[in-house]
Amino acid sequence: MDGTIRDVKARHEQYLLSLPGVVSVGIGRGNDGREEIVVGLDRPRPRTSRRIPATLEGYPVRSDVRGRMRAL
């Protein structure tokens, strides 16, 4: 792994957010306790999900449906 997970997220965040339906990119923990990059989707999007890599620079990536985001 080249850099911290925060560094990796920062390097790839712009690309991930440019994908259709991606509303957030964050950092979380998987069931195994490892840090992972979490990509939030507005709704199930199979085409977008296929474009999200399973790992980025050695860190696992997971996508979750979060719903639409809006400012309050």
N, C-alpha and C. Protein backbone atom coordinates (compact mmCIF):
# COMPACT_ATOMS: atom_id res chain seq x y z
N MET A 1 0.84 -1.17 0.00
CA MET A 1 0.00 0.00 0.00
C MET A 1 0.88 1.23 0.00
N ASP A 2 0.54 2.15 -0.86
CA ASP A 2 1.36 3.35 -1.03
C ASP A 2 0.65 4.54 -0.40
N GLY A 3 0.90 4.80 0.87
CA GLY A 3 0.28 5.91 1.56
C GLY A 3 -0.86 5.46 2.45
N THR A 4 -1.35 6.39 3.24
CA THR A 4 -2.45 6.07 4.13
C THR A 4 -3.74 5.95 3.33
N ILE A 5 -4.75 5.39 3.95
CA ILE A 5 -6.04 5.27 3.26
C ILE A 5 -6.59 6.64 2.92
N ARG A 6 -6.30 7.64 3.74
CA ARG A 6 -6.75 9.01 3.45
C ARG A 6 -6.08 9.55 2.19
N ASP A 7 -4.79 9.25 2.03
CA ASP A 7 -4.07 9.66 0.82
C ASP A 7 -4.68 8.99 -0.42
N VAL A 8 -4.94 7.69 -0.31
CA VAL A 8 -5.50 6.93 -1.43
C VAL A 8 -6.89 7.46 -1.79
N LYS A 9 -7.72 7.69 -0.78
CA LYS A 9 -9.06 8.25 -1.00
C LYS A 9 -8.95 9.59 -1.72
N ALA A 10 -8.06 10.45 -1.25
CA ALA A 10 -7.90 11.77 -1.87
C ALA A 10 -7.48 11.67 -3.33
N ARG A 11 -6.61 10.72 -3.65
CA ARG A 11 -6.14 10.56 -5.03
C ARG A 11 -7.24 10.09 -5.97
N HIS A 12 -8.21 9.32 -5.47
CA HIS A 12 -9.22 8.71 -6.34
C HIS A 12 -10.62 9.31 -6.19
N GLU A 13 -10.80 10.20 -5.23
CA GLU A 13 -12.12 10.74 -4.92
C GLU A 13 -12.77 11.46 -6.11
N GLN A 14 -12.03 12.27 -6.81
CA GLN A 14 -12.59 13.02 -7.94
C GLN A 14 -13.14 12.07 -9.00
N TYR A 15 -12.38 11.03 -9.33
CA TYR A 15 -12.86 10.06 -10.32
C TYR A 15 -14.12 9.37 -9.83
N LEU A 16 -14.10 8.89 -8.60
CA LEU A 16 -15.26 8.16 -8.08
C LEU A 16 -16.50 9.05 -8.07
N LEU A 17 -16.36 10.31 -7.64
CA LEU A 17 -17.50 11.22 -7.61
C LEU A 17 -18.00 11.59 -9.00
N SER A 18 -17.18 11.38 -10.02
CA SER A 18 -17.61 11.69 -11.39
C SER A 18 -18.50 10.58 -11.98
N LEU A 19 -18.55 9.43 -11.32
CA LEU A 19 -19.36 8.32 -11.82
C LEU A 19 -20.84 8.59 -11.57
N PRO A 20 -21.72 8.20 -12.49
CA PRO A 20 -23.15 8.45 -12.32
C PRO A 20 -23.70 7.84 -11.03
N GLY A 21 -24.38 8.67 -10.25
CA GLY A 21 -25.04 8.19 -9.04
C GLY A 21 -24.18 8.13 -7.79
N VAL A 22 -22.88 8.44 -7.91
CA VAL A 22 -22.04 8.43 -6.71
C VAL A 22 -22.27 9.74 -5.96
N VAL A 23 -22.66 9.62 -4.69
CA VAL A 23 -22.99 10.80 -3.89
C VAL A 23 -21.99 11.05 -2.75
N SER A 24 -21.13 10.07 -2.46
CA SER A 24 -20.16 10.27 -1.39
C SER A 24 -19.01 9.27 -1.52
N VAL A 25 -17.89 9.66 -0.96
CA VAL A 25 -16.73 8.77 -0.85
C VAL A 25 -16.19 8.96 0.56
N GLY A 26 -16.11 7.88 1.30
CA GLY A 26 -15.66 7.97 2.68
C GLY A 26 -14.77 6.81 3.06
N ILE A 27 -14.49 6.73 4.34
CA ILE A 27 -13.65 5.67 4.89
C ILE A 27 -14.45 4.98 5.99
N GLY A 28 -14.43 3.67 5.97
CA GLY A 28 -15.13 2.89 6.98
C GLY A 28 -14.34 1.66 7.36
N ARG A 29 -14.98 0.77 8.08
CA ARG A 29 -14.36 -0.50 8.46
C ARG A 29 -15.23 -1.64 7.97
N GLY A 30 -14.59 -2.65 7.41
CA GLY A 30 -15.30 -3.83 6.95
C GLY A 30 -15.62 -4.76 8.10
N ASN A 31 -16.31 -5.84 7.79
CA ASN A 31 -16.65 -6.84 8.80
C ASN A 31 -15.41 -7.44 9.46
N ASP A 32 -14.30 -7.42 8.73
CA ASP A 32 -13.06 -7.98 9.26
C ASP A 32 -12.26 -6.96 10.07
N GLY A 33 -12.77 -5.74 10.19
CA GLY A 33 -12.09 -4.70 10.96
C GLY A 33 -11.09 -3.87 10.18
N ARG A 34 -10.84 -4.26 8.93
CA ARG A 34 -9.89 -3.50 8.10
C ARG A 34 -10.53 -2.22 7.60
N GLU A 35 -9.71 -1.18 7.47
CA GLU A 35 -10.20 0.06 6.87
C GLU A 35 -10.51 -0.18 5.41
N GLU A 36 -11.55 0.49 4.92
CA GLU A 36 -11.93 0.38 3.51
C GLU A 36 -12.49 1.70 3.03
N ILE A 37 -12.44 1.89 1.74
CA ILE A 37 -13.04 3.07 1.11
C ILE A 37 -14.48 2.72 0.80
N VAL A 38 -15.40 3.60 1.19
CA VAL A 38 -16.83 3.35 1.01
C VAL A 38 -17.38 4.37 0.02
N VAL A 39 -17.96 3.87 -1.06
CA VAL A 39 -18.54 4.70 -2.11
C VAL A 39 -20.06 4.66 -1.96
N GLY A 40 -20.66 5.82 -1.73
CA GLY A 40 -22.11 5.91 -1.56
C GLY A 40 -22.81 6.17 -2.87
N LEU A 41 -23.85 5.39 -3.15
CA LEU A 41 -24.65 5.54 -4.36
C LEU A 41 -26.03 6.07 -4.01
N ASP A 42 -26.65 6.81 -4.93
CA ASP A 42 -27.98 7.34 -4.69
C ASP A 42 -29.07 6.27 -4.77
N ARG A 43 -28.81 5.23 -5.53
CA ARG A 43 -29.73 4.10 -5.69
C ARG A 43 -28.94 2.97 -6.31
N PRO A 44 -29.49 1.77 -6.36
CA PRO A 44 -28.75 0.68 -7.02
C PRO A 44 -28.43 1.05 -8.47
N ARG A 45 -27.18 0.95 -8.83
CA ARG A 45 -26.72 1.30 -10.18
C ARG A 45 -25.71 0.25 -10.65
N PRO A 46 -26.20 -0.80 -11.28
CA PRO A 46 -25.29 -1.88 -11.70
C PRO A 46 -24.16 -1.41 -12.62
N ARG A 47 -24.45 -0.52 -13.55
CA ARG A 47 -23.38 -0.05 -14.46
C ARG A 47 -22.30 0.69 -13.70
N THR A 48 -22.70 1.58 -12.81
CA THR A 48 -21.72 2.31 -12.02
C THR A 48 -20.96 1.36 -11.11
N SER A 49 -21.66 0.44 -10.47
CA SER A 49 -21.02 -0.50 -9.56
C SER A 49 -19.92 -1.29 -10.25
N ARG A 50 -20.14 -1.63 -11.52
CA ARG A 50 -19.12 -2.36 -12.27
C ARG A 50 -17.87 -1.51 -12.52
N ARG A 51 -18.01 -0.19 -12.49
CA ARG A 51 -16.88 0.70 -12.74
C ARG A 51 -16.10 1.04 -11.46
N ILE A 52 -16.65 0.68 -10.32
CA ILE A 52 -15.97 0.93 -9.04
C ILE A 52 -15.03 -0.24 -8.78
N PRO A 53 -13.74 0.04 -8.63
CA PRO A 53 -12.78 -1.06 -8.43
C PRO A 53 -12.98 -1.75 -7.09
N ALA A 54 -12.61 -3.01 -7.01
CA ALA A 54 -12.72 -3.78 -5.77
C ALA A 54 -11.66 -3.34 -4.76
N THR A 55 -10.54 -2.84 -5.25
CA THR A 55 -9.49 -2.32 -4.39
C THR A 55 -8.89 -1.08 -5.03
N LEU A 56 -8.34 -0.22 -4.21
CA LEU A 56 -7.57 0.94 -4.67
C LEU A 56 -6.26 0.95 -3.90
N GLU A 57 -5.18 0.76 -4.61
CA GLU A 57 -3.84 0.78 -4.02
C GLU A 57 -3.75 -0.12 -2.79
N GLY A 58 -4.42 -1.28 -2.87
CA GLY A 58 -4.34 -2.26 -1.80
C GLY A 58 -5.43 -2.18 -0.76
N TYR A 59 -6.22 -1.12 -0.76
CA TYR A 59 -7.31 -0.98 0.19
C TYR A 59 -8.61 -1.48 -0.44
N PRO A 60 -9.42 -2.23 0.31
CA PRO A 60 -10.70 -2.68 -0.25
C PRO A 60 -11.66 -1.52 -0.44
N VAL A 61 -12.52 -1.67 -1.44
CA VAL A 61 -13.54 -0.66 -1.75
C VAL A 61 -14.89 -1.35 -1.70
N ARG A 62 -15.83 -0.69 -1.05
CA ARG A 62 -17.20 -1.21 -0.94
C ARG A 62 -18.16 -0.11 -1.37
N SER A 63 -19.23 -0.49 -2.05
CA SER A 63 -20.26 0.49 -2.39
C SER A 63 -21.53 0.18 -1.60
N ASP A 64 -22.20 1.24 -1.19
CA ASP A 64 -23.44 1.16 -0.43
C ASP A 64 -24.46 2.10 -1.04
N VAL A 65 -25.71 1.72 -1.02
CA VAL A 65 -26.77 2.63 -1.45
C VAL A 65 -27.08 3.53 -0.25
N ARG A 66 -26.89 4.83 -0.43
CA ARG A 66 -27.09 5.81 0.63
C ARG A 66 -28.33 6.67 0.41
N GLY A 67 -28.80 6.69 -0.84
CA GLY A 67 -29.91 7.59 -1.17
C GLY A 67 -29.37 8.92 -1.64
N ARG A 68 -30.28 9.76 -2.06
CA ARG A 68 -29.87 11.10 -2.53
C ARG A 68 -29.42 11.93 -1.36
N MET A 69 -28.43 12.74 -1.59
CA MET A 69 -27.90 13.64 -0.57
C MET A 69 -28.40 15.04 -0.88
N ARG A 70 -28.74 15.78 0.17
CA ARG A 70 -29.11 17.18 -0.04
C ARG A 70 -28.71 17.98 1.18
N ALA A 71 -28.37 19.21 0.94
CA ALA A 71 -27.98 20.11 2.03
C ALA A 71 -29.22 20.54 2.80
N LEU A 72 -29.05 20.73 4.08
CA LEU A 72 -30.16 21.20 4.92
C LEU A 72 -30.06 22.68 5.16
